[in-house]
Amino acid sequence: GEQGSACSEPMASLLSQDFDNYPSPMRQLLEGPPASSAAPNSEVPNDSLPWILFGIAAGALVILVGCFFLCFQRLRSEVRMIRKEANAARDTKVNSPPVQNDAAERVKLEESPQEWNSSATVESPTITKPVLPIVETVMMLPLRVTIVGCTGLVTHQPVVCVCEVKGKASSRIQTGVVGLSPAQDQRQHIWNCEAEVTNVSLGDRLSFSIWGQDGSMLSEVSLEGTAFHPAPFEGDLQLVQQAPADSGMALVPWTCPRCTCDNGLNSSYCIACGCERPPTTAGAALLSVRVTRAVWGPNATPLFAARWAVINTQSLDFVTGEGAMRNDWSGDVGFRFVPRTSLLITALGRQTVSGQLREAADVTLWSVENQAATATATVGPSSAVEGGYAFAPLRQEVLLQAGREYRLSQRCTAGMLDPWFDGAVAHEQLAQWSAAACVDFLGAVFAEGYGYPNRADIDVRFPTTSRRAGMLNFKMLGEDPGASAQEYLNQDSIQGSMPSDLAVPEEAGDLFQIRLVCMSPPPAKQQ
C-alpha cells in the first residue's frame, strides 16, 4: 500500500504538467531530470513515454516496409508470369508455318469462319470444324513422260492424248493430233511424244486422257505415284472407253439395270420405267507410256536432281512470304557450299516455278577466298529447262577446288515476276536428291544490295543448314564429276610439266607440228 501510494504521487505530478513544458529526452540527458518529478522509490522512469512512442513509430515503419516488400514480390511474380505468357505466344507464332503475306489472300488462322459459329442441330449436337489450310514444303519430281501410242481405240476421228496432274494446270502436256495409222485392222494411234512434266509432287498421280477432235473425251486412265517413283515406269495402261455413236456398237438391244426389262436396239429409254439407257462400253484399249526421271543432258550431273516449293496442300497454290516463295527482296540471295572433290562447272541455273521463266536474272558463282565472281550467267525465258531448272551454259568450264568454300547467288529485285524458293528442305530429301557425294551444302546467304553475299541467314524459324536448297542449281561435267575433274587436272599437270626447251610460242605452232611429224618414225611397209 505504501509503495503504490509512492508510485501514484509521481504519476499524478507527471500528468499534471503541461505538455509543452515537458522536457524532451535529449534535454533530460543534457540537463538531467528535474528534482520535483523524481521519486526515489519509483520503479518506472519518468522518461518512458517518449520511448514508447518511438517504439510504436518504429513498429509501424517496419510494418509498412514489410507490406511494401510483399507488394513488390507480388508485382514481380505477376510481371514474370506476363513475360512467360508473351514468350510462349511468340514461340507459337514463330514455329507456325508461314502463310501468305498478301493482304488480299492472307490466311487468318485466328478468325473462325462464320459457319463454325452456327448452332448445332438436335440430331447432331457436335459441331465439326473444317480442316484448316496446311502449308507444306513439297518436293517436285523432275519427270520426263513419253506417250508412245494407243491400240484398240474405237473412233474414226483424229485424237490427242493429254497428261497432267489434276488440279495443277502447269503440269499439263499434250500430244499432237494424229489419226489412224496405216494398220487399220489394229486401230493404232502413234504419237511418240516426249516432254517434261513439271510441278509433280511426291505422291501425285498422273492422269492420261484421250480426246477427240470434236472436244469429247473418249477415255481416261490414272497412274499412281508409286508406279513411277522411285523406279521408272514403262508399259501399257488399260483404257475403258465409251462406244461413240458413229461406231455402230451402240445399236444393240439392251436390258434396263433397274427393272430388268428388255429394250430394243433403237430405244434410248426403258419402255417400262423410263430409265435412261446406260452407255455401251467398246472394250479395252491399251495406252503405251514411259515415265522416267528428267534427262540432264549428255555427260552432265546437276547439284540438285529435284526442286522444292511451299504450297497450300488444299488449294495446291504456291504460298508467298518469308520462308516460302518470295519476290520481295532486292539484292543477291543464294547459298554457300564446299566441294568435296574438284569439280568442273559447265552451266548455272534457276528454279522454274510454272515451267518457264518470265524474266531474266543473273546467277553468279563467288569464291569466298577473294570474294570475287568466278562465273556469271544470265538465265531467263530463252534458257533451256531441264528437271524444273532453267540453265545457261558457261563459255568455259570453271574449276572448283576441293575443300574451298563457294557461294551461288541470284540477283533479285523486289516485285520480280519469278518468285524464288526461301523455304527449308528436309535433310533426308536433301541427301537423296542432291550430289551429296560431291558437295557439302552449308546453308543460305544474302547481301543487302548487289554484290558478294557476305551475310549468312540465321533465323530460328527455319533450319539454316537446309534453307534455299534448290533455289539455284549448276551442272557438273561428267556422270562422275570428281573423276572428270581429276582427269582434267591430270591433263593440265602433264601440259604444265613440259620441259622449257619444248615450250612453243604461238607464232611457231605450225613449225613445231612440222618438226614433230619429221621426228616420227616412217610408216611400216606393207607386205
Protein backbone atom coordinates (compact mmCIF):
# COMPACT_ATOMS: atom_id res chain seq x y z
CA GLY A 1 0.00 0.00 0.00
CA GLU A 2 2.77 2.40 0.83
CA GLN A 3 4.67 1.52 -2.33
CA GLY A 4 1.59 2.06 -4.53
CA SER A 5 0.96 5.47 -2.96
CA ALA A 6 4.59 6.38 -3.54
CA CYS A 7 4.26 5.47 -7.25
CA SER A 8 0.93 7.25 -7.74
CA GLU A 9 2.25 10.56 -6.46
CA PRO A 10 4.90 10.99 -9.19
CA MET A 11 2.44 9.88 -11.86
CA ALA A 12 -0.10 12.45 -10.77
CA SER A 13 2.54 15.14 -10.76
CA LEU A 14 3.72 13.95 -14.21
CA LEU A 15 0.21 14.10 -15.73
CA SER A 16 -0.47 17.49 -14.14
CA GLN A 17 2.38 19.11 -16.06
CA ASP A 18 1.72 20.95 -19.31
CA PHE A 19 2.69 19.01 -22.43
CA ASP A 20 4.60 21.90 -23.97
CA ASN A 21 6.74 22.21 -20.84
CA TYR A 22 7.54 18.55 -20.75
CA PRO A 23 11.31 18.06 -21.16
CA SER A 24 12.44 16.13 -24.24
CA PRO A 25 14.73 13.07 -23.89
CA MET A 26 17.70 15.00 -25.31
CA ARG A 27 17.10 17.85 -22.87
CA GLN A 28 16.88 15.43 -19.95
CA LEU A 29 20.17 13.90 -20.99
CA LEU A 30 21.85 17.33 -21.06
CA GLU A 31 20.21 18.98 -18.04
CA GLY A 32 19.19 15.96 -16.01
CA PRO A 33 15.73 15.23 -14.65
CA PRO A 34 14.01 17.91 -12.62
CA ALA A 35 14.04 17.46 -8.88
CA SER A 36 10.26 17.74 -8.50
CA SER A 37 9.46 14.92 -10.92
CA ALA A 38 11.68 12.24 -9.43
CA ALA A 39 10.59 9.76 -6.82
CA PRO A 40 13.40 7.88 -5.07
CA ASN A 41 11.37 4.71 -4.59
CA SER A 42 9.67 4.62 -8.15
CA GLU A 43 10.44 1.58 -10.40
CA VAL A 44 9.11 3.23 -13.66
CA PRO A 45 11.36 6.02 -15.00
CA ASN A 46 9.72 9.33 -15.66
CA ASP A 47 11.08 9.47 -19.32
CA SER A 48 9.43 6.18 -20.58
CA LEU A 49 6.61 7.80 -22.62
CA PRO A 50 8.80 9.21 -25.45
CA TRP A 51 10.49 5.89 -25.89
CA ILE A 52 7.14 4.09 -26.03
CA LEU A 53 6.03 6.46 -28.79
CA PHE A 54 9.31 5.94 -30.59
CA GLY A 55 8.84 2.13 -30.43
CA ILE A 56 5.31 2.41 -31.79
CA ALA A 57 6.56 4.57 -34.68
CA ALA A 58 9.39 2.13 -35.41
CA GLY A 59 6.97 -0.82 -35.39
CA ALA A 60 4.63 0.98 -37.77
CA LEU A 61 7.58 1.71 -40.06
CA VAL A 62 8.61 -1.95 -40.03
CA ILE A 63 5.05 -2.99 -40.89
CA LEU A 64 4.95 -0.52 -43.78
CA VAL A 65 8.29 -1.76 -45.10
CA GLY A 66 7.06 -5.36 -44.88
CA CYS A 67 3.86 -4.53 -46.74
CA PHE A 68 5.85 -2.73 -49.41
CA PHE A 69 8.16 -5.75 -49.76
CA LEU A 70 5.22 -8.16 -50.07
CA CYS A 71 3.58 -5.95 -52.71
CA PHE A 72 6.85 -5.74 -54.61
CA GLN A 73 7.24 -9.53 -54.61
CA ARG A 74 3.66 -9.98 -55.81
CA LEU A 75 4.16 -7.45 -58.59
CA ARG A 76 7.41 -9.12 -59.59
CA SER A 77 5.74 -12.53 -59.85
CA GLU A 78 2.95 -11.05 -61.97
CA VAL A 79 5.50 -9.48 -64.32
CA ARG A 80 7.32 -12.81 -64.64
CA MET A 81 4.08 -14.59 -65.46
CA ILE A 82 3.16 -12.00 -68.10
CA ARG A 83 6.62 -12.30 -69.69
CA LYS A 84 6.36 -16.09 -69.71
CA GLU A 85 2.99 -15.98 -71.45
CA ALA A 86 4.30 -13.47 -74.00
CA ASN A 87 7.34 -15.65 -74.77
CA ALA A 88 5.12 -18.71 -75.18
CA ALA A 89 2.84 -16.82 -77.56
CA ARG A 90 5.84 -15.56 -79.54
CA ASP A 91 7.33 -19.07 -79.79
CA THR A 92 3.99 -20.41 -81.01
CA LYS A 93 3.85 -17.73 -83.68
CA VAL A 94 7.47 -18.23 -84.70
CA ASN A 95 7.17 -22.01 -85.02
CA SER A 96 3.95 -21.83 -87.01
CA PRO A 97 4.28 -22.42 -90.80
CA PRO A 98 4.49 -19.33 -92.97
CA VAL A 99 1.30 -18.04 -94.54
CA GLN A 100 0.67 -15.79 -97.49
CA ASN A 101 1.76 -12.24 -96.86
CA ASP A 102 -0.60 -10.84 -99.46
CA ALA A 103 -3.21 -8.75 -97.68
CA ALA A 104 -5.94 -9.92 -100.03
CA GLU A 105 -5.15 -13.63 -99.72
CA ARG A 106 -3.72 -13.93 -96.20
CA VAL A 107 -4.86 -16.97 -94.27
CA LYS A 108 -6.28 -15.67 -90.98
CA LEU A 109 -5.98 -18.60 -88.64
CA GLU A 110 -7.09 -16.64 -85.59
CA GLU A 111 -10.52 -15.77 -87.06
CA SER A 112 -13.04 -18.58 -87.33
CA PRO A 113 -15.36 -18.74 -90.36
CA GLN A 114 -19.00 -17.86 -89.85
CA GLU A 115 -20.15 -21.42 -90.43
CA TRP A 116 -18.18 -22.52 -87.34
CA ASN A 117 -20.47 -20.39 -85.16
CA SER A 118 -23.68 -21.95 -86.49
CA SER A 119 -25.87 -23.53 -83.86
CA ALA A 120 -25.80 -27.30 -83.56
CA THR A 121 -28.84 -29.29 -84.67
CA VAL A 122 -30.83 -31.50 -82.36
CA GLU A 123 -29.81 -34.67 -84.18
CA SER A 124 -26.10 -33.83 -84.11
CA PRO A 125 -25.10 -31.63 -81.17
CA THR A 126 -21.41 -31.83 -82.11
CA ILE A 127 -20.09 -29.16 -84.49
CA THR A 128 -17.37 -30.38 -86.83
CA LYS A 129 -14.91 -27.67 -87.82
CA PRO A 130 -13.47 -27.70 -91.35
CA VAL A 131 -9.82 -28.57 -91.80
CA LEU A 132 -7.58 -25.51 -91.87
CA PRO A 133 -5.31 -24.99 -94.86
CA ILE A 134 -1.98 -26.78 -94.46
CA VAL A 135 1.19 -25.08 -95.65
CA GLU A 136 3.92 -27.54 -96.54
CA THR A 137 7.24 -27.66 -98.32
CA VAL A 138 6.89 -30.28 -101.03
CA MET A 139 9.41 -31.78 -103.40
CA MET A 140 8.78 -31.51 -107.13
CA LEU A 141 9.86 -34.60 -109.08
CA PRO A 142 11.59 -33.92 -112.40
CA LEU A 143 9.76 -36.31 -114.75
CA ARG A 144 10.01 -36.98 -118.45
CA VAL A 145 6.94 -38.62 -119.96
CA THR A 146 6.90 -40.37 -123.32
CA ILE A 147 3.47 -41.11 -124.83
CA VAL A 148 4.16 -43.76 -127.45
CA GLY A 149 0.71 -44.60 -128.80
CA CYS A 150 -2.65 -46.26 -128.31
CA THR A 151 -4.03 -49.54 -129.66
CA GLY A 152 -7.68 -50.56 -129.92
CA LEU A 153 -9.27 -47.11 -129.65
CA VAL A 154 -12.74 -47.21 -131.24
CA THR A 155 -13.04 -43.98 -133.18
CA HIS A 156 -12.62 -42.74 -136.73
CA GLN A 157 -11.63 -39.15 -135.86
CA PRO A 158 -8.15 -37.81 -135.09
CA VAL A 159 -7.33 -37.81 -131.38
CA VAL A 160 -4.87 -36.23 -128.92
CA CYS A 161 -3.54 -37.50 -125.58
CA VAL A 162 -3.18 -35.24 -122.54
CA CYS A 163 -1.02 -35.98 -119.49
CA GLU A 164 -1.41 -33.89 -116.34
CA VAL A 165 -1.76 -33.83 -112.57
CA LYS A 166 -5.37 -33.00 -111.72
CA GLY A 167 -5.59 -29.53 -110.23
CA LYS A 168 -2.16 -28.39 -111.49
CA ALA A 169 -2.54 -26.63 -114.81
CA SER A 170 1.21 -26.06 -115.17
CA SER A 171 1.83 -29.83 -115.27
CA ARG A 172 -0.23 -30.34 -118.44
CA ILE A 173 1.40 -31.66 -121.60
CA GLN A 174 -0.37 -32.59 -124.84
CA THR A 175 0.49 -34.56 -127.93
CA GLY A 176 -0.26 -33.58 -131.48
CA VAL A 177 -3.42 -34.56 -133.33
CA VAL A 178 -2.99 -37.87 -135.15
CA GLY A 179 -5.33 -40.19 -137.00
CA LEU A 180 -5.30 -43.90 -137.50
CA SER A 181 -2.06 -45.50 -138.58
CA PRO A 182 -1.93 -47.44 -141.89
CA ALA A 183 -2.58 -50.65 -139.91
CA GLN A 184 -6.36 -50.06 -139.85
CA ASP A 185 -7.15 -53.51 -138.51
CA GLN A 186 -5.33 -52.82 -135.21
CA ARG A 187 -6.72 -49.26 -134.77
CA GLN A 188 -3.39 -47.76 -133.78
CA HIS A 189 -2.68 -44.12 -132.99
CA ILE A 190 1.04 -43.35 -132.79
CA TRP A 191 2.33 -40.14 -131.13
CA ASN A 192 5.89 -40.78 -129.88
CA CYS A 193 5.63 -37.54 -127.90
CA GLU A 194 8.29 -36.91 -125.26
CA ALA A 195 8.06 -33.94 -122.89
CA GLU A 196 8.96 -32.90 -119.36
CA VAL A 197 6.17 -32.71 -116.78
CA THR A 198 6.67 -30.03 -114.12
CA ASN A 199 5.15 -29.43 -110.68
CA VAL A 200 4.70 -33.12 -109.90
CA SER A 201 4.88 -33.53 -106.15
CA LEU A 202 5.90 -36.66 -104.33
CA GLY A 203 2.82 -38.92 -104.28
CA ASP A 204 0.91 -37.23 -107.13
CA ARG A 205 -0.78 -39.41 -109.73
CA LEU A 206 -0.55 -38.80 -113.46
CA SER A 207 -3.78 -38.67 -115.45
CA PHE A 208 -3.83 -39.68 -119.13
CA SER A 209 -6.91 -38.76 -121.17
CA ILE A 210 -7.67 -39.15 -124.88
CA TRP A 211 -9.77 -36.50 -126.60
CA GLY A 212 -11.42 -36.46 -129.98
CA GLN A 213 -11.14 -33.68 -132.48
CA ASP A 214 -14.69 -32.59 -131.62
CA GLY A 215 -13.68 -31.92 -127.98
CA SER A 216 -15.19 -35.05 -126.42
CA MET A 217 -13.17 -37.18 -124.01
CA LEU A 218 -13.01 -40.76 -125.26
CA SER A 219 -11.15 -42.41 -122.40
CA GLU A 220 -9.08 -41.75 -119.29
CA VAL A 221 -6.72 -43.64 -117.01
CA SER A 222 -4.53 -42.72 -113.99
CA LEU A 223 -1.05 -43.85 -113.00
CA GLU A 224 -0.29 -43.89 -109.27
CA GLY A 225 2.79 -42.11 -107.99
CA THR A 226 4.25 -45.32 -106.58
CA ALA A 227 4.29 -46.77 -110.09
CA PHE A 228 6.93 -44.32 -111.40
CA HIS A 229 8.82 -43.37 -108.23
CA PRO A 230 11.40 -44.31 -107.17
CA ALA A 231 11.61 -46.81 -110.08
CA PRO A 232 10.63 -45.62 -113.58
CA PHE A 233 7.56 -46.96 -115.39
CA GLU A 234 7.35 -48.32 -118.90
CA GLY A 235 4.37 -50.32 -120.11
CA ASP A 236 0.73 -50.30 -121.22
CA LEU A 237 -2.21 -48.74 -119.39
CA GLN A 238 -5.68 -50.19 -119.92
CA LEU A 239 -8.31 -47.71 -121.10
CA VAL A 240 -12.04 -48.31 -120.67
CA GLN A 241 -13.73 -46.37 -123.45
CA GLN A 242 -17.28 -45.45 -124.35
CA ALA A 243 -18.67 -46.56 -127.71
CA PRO A 244 -19.12 -43.49 -129.92
CA ALA A 245 -22.32 -43.07 -131.86
CA ASP A 246 -20.62 -43.40 -135.24
CA SER A 247 -19.02 -46.75 -134.41
CA GLY A 248 -22.25 -48.77 -134.81
CA MET A 249 -21.69 -50.56 -131.49
CA ALA A 250 -24.43 -48.61 -129.71
CA LEU A 251 -27.19 -50.09 -131.93
CA VAL A 252 -27.74 -53.28 -129.95
CA PRO A 253 -30.62 -54.46 -127.69
CA TRP A 254 -30.14 -53.66 -124.04
CA THR A 255 -31.55 -54.60 -120.62
CA CYS A 256 -32.60 -51.98 -118.11
CA PRO A 257 -30.44 -52.25 -114.98
CA ARG A 258 -33.33 -51.01 -112.78
CA CYS A 259 -36.31 -53.15 -113.82
CA THR A 260 -34.52 -55.79 -115.97
CA CYS A 261 -36.82 -55.03 -118.87
CA ASP A 262 -35.57 -55.88 -122.36
CA ASN A 263 -35.49 -52.94 -124.75
CA GLY A 264 -34.97 -52.61 -128.45
CA LEU A 265 -31.81 -51.51 -130.17
CA ASN A 266 -33.14 -48.06 -131.14
CA SER A 267 -34.66 -47.16 -127.75
CA SER A 268 -32.82 -44.62 -125.63
CA TYR A 269 -35.10 -45.00 -122.59
CA CYS A 270 -36.60 -48.04 -120.89
CA ILE A 271 -40.16 -48.70 -122.08
CA ALA A 272 -41.19 -49.85 -118.59
CA CYS A 273 -39.63 -47.43 -116.09
CA GLY A 274 -38.27 -44.68 -118.33
CA CYS A 275 -34.69 -45.16 -117.16
CA GLU A 276 -32.05 -43.73 -119.48
CA ARG A 277 -30.04 -46.20 -121.50
CA PRO A 278 -26.58 -46.78 -119.95
CA PRO A 279 -23.53 -46.12 -122.11
CA THR A 280 -22.20 -49.05 -124.05
CA THR A 281 -18.56 -49.91 -123.49
CA ALA A 282 -16.45 -50.63 -126.52
CA GLY A 283 -13.96 -52.87 -124.76
CA ALA A 284 -10.48 -52.07 -123.53
CA ALA A 285 -7.76 -50.13 -125.31
CA LEU A 286 -4.08 -50.01 -124.42
CA LEU A 287 -2.08 -46.80 -123.98
CA SER A 288 1.68 -47.25 -124.13
CA VAL A 289 3.61 -44.74 -122.00
CA ARG A 290 7.02 -44.35 -120.36
CA VAL A 291 7.70 -42.25 -117.25
CA THR A 292 11.30 -41.66 -116.15
CA ARG A 293 13.36 -39.02 -114.42
CA ALA A 294 14.28 -35.88 -116.27
CA VAL A 295 17.22 -36.07 -118.63
CA TRP A 296 20.00 -33.69 -117.67
CA GLY A 297 21.77 -33.68 -120.96
CA PRO A 298 24.75 -35.75 -122.06
CA ASN A 299 27.78 -36.00 -119.78
CA ALA A 300 26.37 -33.72 -117.05
CA THR A 301 25.31 -34.05 -113.40
CA PRO A 302 23.20 -31.43 -111.57
CA LEU A 303 23.76 -30.34 -108.00
CA PHE A 304 20.03 -30.82 -107.28
CA ALA A 305 18.07 -33.56 -109.05
CA ALA A 306 14.74 -32.24 -107.70
CA ARG A 307 13.28 -28.92 -106.71
CA TRP A 308 11.12 -27.76 -103.81
CA ALA A 309 8.27 -25.31 -103.30
CA VAL A 310 5.95 -24.21 -100.50
CA ILE A 311 2.30 -24.81 -101.39
CA ASN A 312 -1.13 -24.94 -99.78
CA THR A 313 -1.98 -28.64 -99.76
CA GLN A 314 -5.71 -27.92 -100.11
CA SER A 315 -5.76 -25.38 -102.93
CA LEU A 316 -2.38 -26.51 -104.41
CA ASP A 317 -1.43 -22.84 -104.78
CA PHE A 318 2.04 -21.53 -104.08
CA VAL A 319 2.42 -19.76 -100.74
CA THR A 320 4.30 -16.47 -100.75
CA GLY A 321 6.18 -14.79 -97.95
CA GLU A 322 9.27 -15.25 -95.83
CA GLY A 323 10.21 -18.90 -95.60
CA ALA A 324 8.11 -19.71 -98.69
CA MET A 325 8.12 -18.37 -102.27
CA ARG A 326 9.40 -14.79 -102.30
CA ASN A 327 9.92 -11.85 -104.65
CA ASP A 328 10.09 -9.01 -102.11
CA TRP A 329 13.87 -8.55 -101.76
CA SER A 330 16.40 -6.53 -103.72
CA GLY A 331 19.91 -7.93 -103.53
CA ASP A 332 21.95 -11.06 -104.11
CA VAL A 333 20.37 -14.13 -102.49
CA GLY A 334 21.61 -17.72 -102.57
CA PHE A 335 23.50 -20.37 -100.62
CA ARG A 336 27.03 -21.49 -99.83
CA PHE A 337 28.72 -24.85 -100.30
CA VAL A 338 32.07 -26.65 -100.18
CA PRO A 339 33.08 -29.18 -102.86
CA ARG A 340 34.32 -32.49 -101.51
CA THR A 341 36.27 -33.11 -104.71
CA SER A 342 37.42 -30.89 -107.52
CA LEU A 343 34.55 -30.07 -109.90
CA LEU A 344 34.15 -28.60 -113.37
CA ILE A 345 31.08 -26.35 -113.62
CA THR A 346 29.54 -26.14 -117.09
CA ALA A 347 26.21 -24.30 -116.54
CA LEU A 348 24.35 -22.21 -113.94
CA GLY A 349 20.60 -22.44 -113.41
CA ARG A 350 17.50 -21.10 -111.64
CA GLN A 351 14.37 -22.82 -110.42
CA THR A 352 11.26 -22.50 -112.61
CA VAL A 353 8.01 -22.21 -110.68
CA SER A 354 5.47 -22.52 -113.50
CA GLY A 355 7.51 -24.48 -116.03
CA GLN A 356 9.13 -21.48 -117.74
CA LEU A 357 10.82 -18.30 -116.55
CA ARG A 358 9.19 -14.99 -117.33
CA GLU A 359 12.11 -12.69 -116.55
CA ALA A 360 15.89 -12.87 -116.91
CA ALA A 361 18.22 -12.64 -113.90
CA ASP A 362 21.96 -13.02 -113.33
CA VAL A 363 23.28 -16.05 -111.46
CA THR A 364 26.81 -15.63 -110.07
CA LEU A 365 29.31 -18.10 -108.65
CA TRP A 366 31.53 -16.49 -105.99
CA SER A 367 34.83 -17.51 -104.44
CA VAL A 368 34.96 -16.90 -100.69
CA GLU A 369 38.75 -16.77 -100.71
CA ASN A 370 38.91 -13.45 -102.57
CA GLN A 371 35.16 -12.56 -102.61
CA ALA A 372 35.28 -12.25 -106.38
CA ALA A 373 32.90 -13.53 -109.05
CA THR A 374 34.20 -16.74 -110.62
CA ALA A 375 31.44 -17.10 -113.23
CA THR A 376 28.23 -15.28 -114.18
CA ALA A 377 25.36 -16.37 -116.44
CA THR A 378 22.08 -14.69 -117.39
CA VAL A 379 19.21 -17.16 -117.04
CA GLY A 380 15.84 -16.22 -118.49
CA PRO A 381 12.89 -17.27 -120.67
CA SER A 382 15.13 -18.35 -123.54
CA SER A 383 17.18 -20.73 -121.36
CA ALA A 384 16.73 -24.48 -121.75
CA VAL A 385 14.66 -26.11 -118.99
CA GLU A 386 15.74 -29.45 -117.55
CA GLY A 387 14.29 -31.05 -114.46
CA GLY A 388 12.45 -27.91 -113.34
CA TYR A 389 15.54 -25.68 -113.73
CA ALA A 390 16.45 -23.24 -116.49
CA PHE A 391 20.17 -23.47 -117.32
CA ALA A 392 22.52 -21.12 -119.12
CA PRO A 393 25.80 -22.71 -120.28
CA LEU A 394 29.12 -21.09 -119.40
CA ARG A 395 31.51 -20.09 -122.16
CA GLN A 396 34.27 -22.03 -120.44
CA GLU A 397 34.24 -24.63 -117.68
CA VAL A 398 35.06 -23.32 -114.21
CA LEU A 399 37.23 -25.45 -111.93
CA LEU A 400 36.24 -25.56 -108.25
CA GLN A 401 38.90 -26.68 -105.80
CA ALA A 402 38.08 -29.31 -103.19
CA GLY A 403 37.74 -28.03 -99.62
CA ARG A 404 37.26 -24.38 -100.55
CA GLU A 405 34.03 -22.54 -99.89
CA TYR A 406 31.99 -21.06 -102.74
CA ARG A 407 28.70 -19.19 -102.91
CA LEU A 408 26.00 -19.18 -105.59
CA SER A 409 23.60 -16.24 -105.69
CA GLN A 410 20.86 -14.72 -107.83
CA ARG A 411 20.38 -11.02 -108.49
CA CYS A 412 16.88 -10.49 -107.07
CA THR A 413 14.65 -7.46 -107.34
CA ALA A 414 11.50 -6.64 -105.37
CA GLY A 415 8.41 -7.46 -107.40
CA MET A 416 10.20 -9.68 -109.93
CA LEU A 417 7.91 -11.93 -111.98
CA ASP A 418 9.53 -15.22 -110.96
CA PRO A 419 9.40 -15.95 -107.20
CA TRP A 420 12.33 -17.78 -105.64
CA PHE A 421 12.35 -20.55 -103.05
CA ASP A 422 13.10 -19.36 -99.49
CA GLY A 423 11.98 -22.44 -97.55
CA ALA A 424 13.88 -25.21 -95.81
CA VAL A 425 14.26 -28.75 -97.14
CA ALA A 426 14.12 -31.94 -95.11
CA HIS A 427 17.62 -33.30 -94.54
CA GLU A 428 16.61 -36.75 -95.81
CA GLN A 429 15.38 -35.35 -99.12
CA LEU A 430 18.42 -33.10 -99.44
CA ALA A 431 20.76 -36.07 -99.01
CA GLN A 432 18.81 -38.20 -101.52
CA TRP A 433 18.15 -35.63 -104.25
CA SER A 434 21.43 -33.71 -104.31
CA ALA A 435 25.01 -34.53 -105.25
CA ALA A 436 25.89 -35.02 -101.59
CA ALA A 437 28.87 -37.17 -102.54
CA CYS A 438 30.43 -34.21 -104.33
CA VAL A 439 29.22 -31.14 -102.44
CA ASP A 440 28.52 -30.21 -98.81
CA PHE A 441 25.56 -27.80 -98.62
CA LEU A 442 26.14 -25.19 -95.87
CA GLY A 443 23.01 -23.02 -95.93
CA ALA A 444 21.57 -19.72 -97.08
CA VAL A 445 23.40 -16.42 -97.61
CA PHE A 446 22.40 -12.97 -98.84
CA ALA A 447 23.65 -9.44 -99.37
CA GLU A 448 21.93 -6.17 -98.52
CA GLY A 449 22.30 -4.88 -102.02
CA TYR A 450 24.04 -6.32 -105.04
CA GLY A 451 27.41 -7.97 -104.90
CA TYR A 452 29.16 -10.63 -102.86
CA PRO A 453 26.67 -12.30 -100.46
CA ASN A 454 28.61 -11.77 -97.25
CA ARG A 455 25.86 -12.47 -94.72
CA ALA A 456 24.54 -15.84 -93.58
CA ASP A 457 20.86 -16.29 -92.73
CA ILE A 458 20.43 -17.05 -89.03
CA ASP A 459 16.74 -17.44 -88.24
CA VAL A 460 15.33 -19.71 -85.53
CA ARG A 461 12.16 -20.23 -87.57
CA PHE A 462 13.90 -22.05 -90.41
CA PRO A 463 16.72 -24.62 -90.42
CA THR A 464 19.64 -22.58 -91.70
CA THR A 465 21.69 -25.52 -92.98
CA SER A 466 18.98 -26.60 -95.45
CA ARG A 467 17.38 -23.27 -96.32
CA ARG A 468 17.13 -22.30 -100.02
CA ALA A 469 18.35 -25.69 -101.23
CA GLY A 470 17.16 -25.93 -104.82
CA MET A 471 16.68 -22.21 -105.30
CA LEU A 472 19.63 -22.28 -107.71
CA ASN A 473 21.47 -25.08 -109.44
CA PHE A 474 24.54 -25.82 -111.51
CA LYS A 475 25.76 -28.60 -113.77
CA MET A 476 28.98 -30.51 -113.24
CA LEU A 477 30.90 -32.14 -116.06
CA GLY A 478 30.62 -35.92 -116.34
CA GLU A 479 28.46 -38.60 -114.84
CA ASP A 480 31.17 -38.87 -112.17
CA PRO A 481 32.07 -35.19 -111.62
CA GLY A 482 35.02 -35.94 -109.35
CA ALA A 483 36.64 -38.31 -111.84
CA SER A 484 36.07 -35.88 -114.75
CA ALA A 485 37.69 -33.03 -112.84
CA GLN A 486 40.63 -35.24 -111.83
CA GLU A 487 41.17 -36.24 -115.44
CA TYR A 488 41.20 -32.57 -116.39
CA LEU A 489 43.74 -31.83 -113.66
CA ASN A 490 45.95 -34.71 -114.79
CA GLN A 491 45.98 -33.41 -118.35
CA ASP A 492 46.74 -29.93 -117.12
CA SER A 493 49.64 -31.23 -114.98
CA ILE A 494 51.07 -33.10 -117.98
CA GLN A 495 50.97 -29.95 -120.07
CA GLY A 496 52.43 -27.94 -117.22
CA SER A 497 55.31 -30.43 -116.77
CA MET A 498 56.56 -29.97 -120.37
CA PRO A 499 60.28 -29.02 -120.40
CA SER A 500 61.05 -25.39 -121.01
CA ASP A 501 63.01 -26.15 -124.17
CA LEU A 502 59.88 -27.75 -125.68
CA ALA A 503 57.67 -24.79 -124.89
CA VAL A 504 56.47 -23.39 -128.18
CA PRO A 505 55.35 -19.81 -128.78
CA GLU A 506 52.03 -19.32 -130.53
CA GLU A 507 53.57 -17.97 -133.74
CA ALA A 508 55.79 -21.07 -134.08
CA GLY A 509 52.98 -23.59 -133.66
CA ASP A 510 52.96 -24.73 -137.28
CA LEU A 511 56.74 -25.16 -137.32
CA PHE A 512 56.56 -27.22 -134.14
CA GLN A 513 53.93 -29.50 -135.65
CA ILE A 514 56.06 -30.00 -138.78
CA ARG A 515 59.08 -30.83 -136.62
CA LEU A 516 57.10 -33.43 -134.72
CA VAL A 517 55.95 -35.03 -137.95
CA CYS A 518 59.52 -35.23 -139.22
CA MET A 519 60.70 -36.84 -136.00
CA SER A 520 58.02 -39.54 -136.12
CA PRO A 521 59.10 -42.99 -137.42
CA PRO A 522 58.32 -43.84 -141.02
CA PRO A 523 55.25 -45.98 -141.70
CA ALA A 524 55.80 -49.70 -141.89
CA LYS A 525 55.98 -51.22 -145.37
CA GLN A 526 53.00 -53.27 -146.37
CA GLN A 527 53.81 -56.86 -147.22
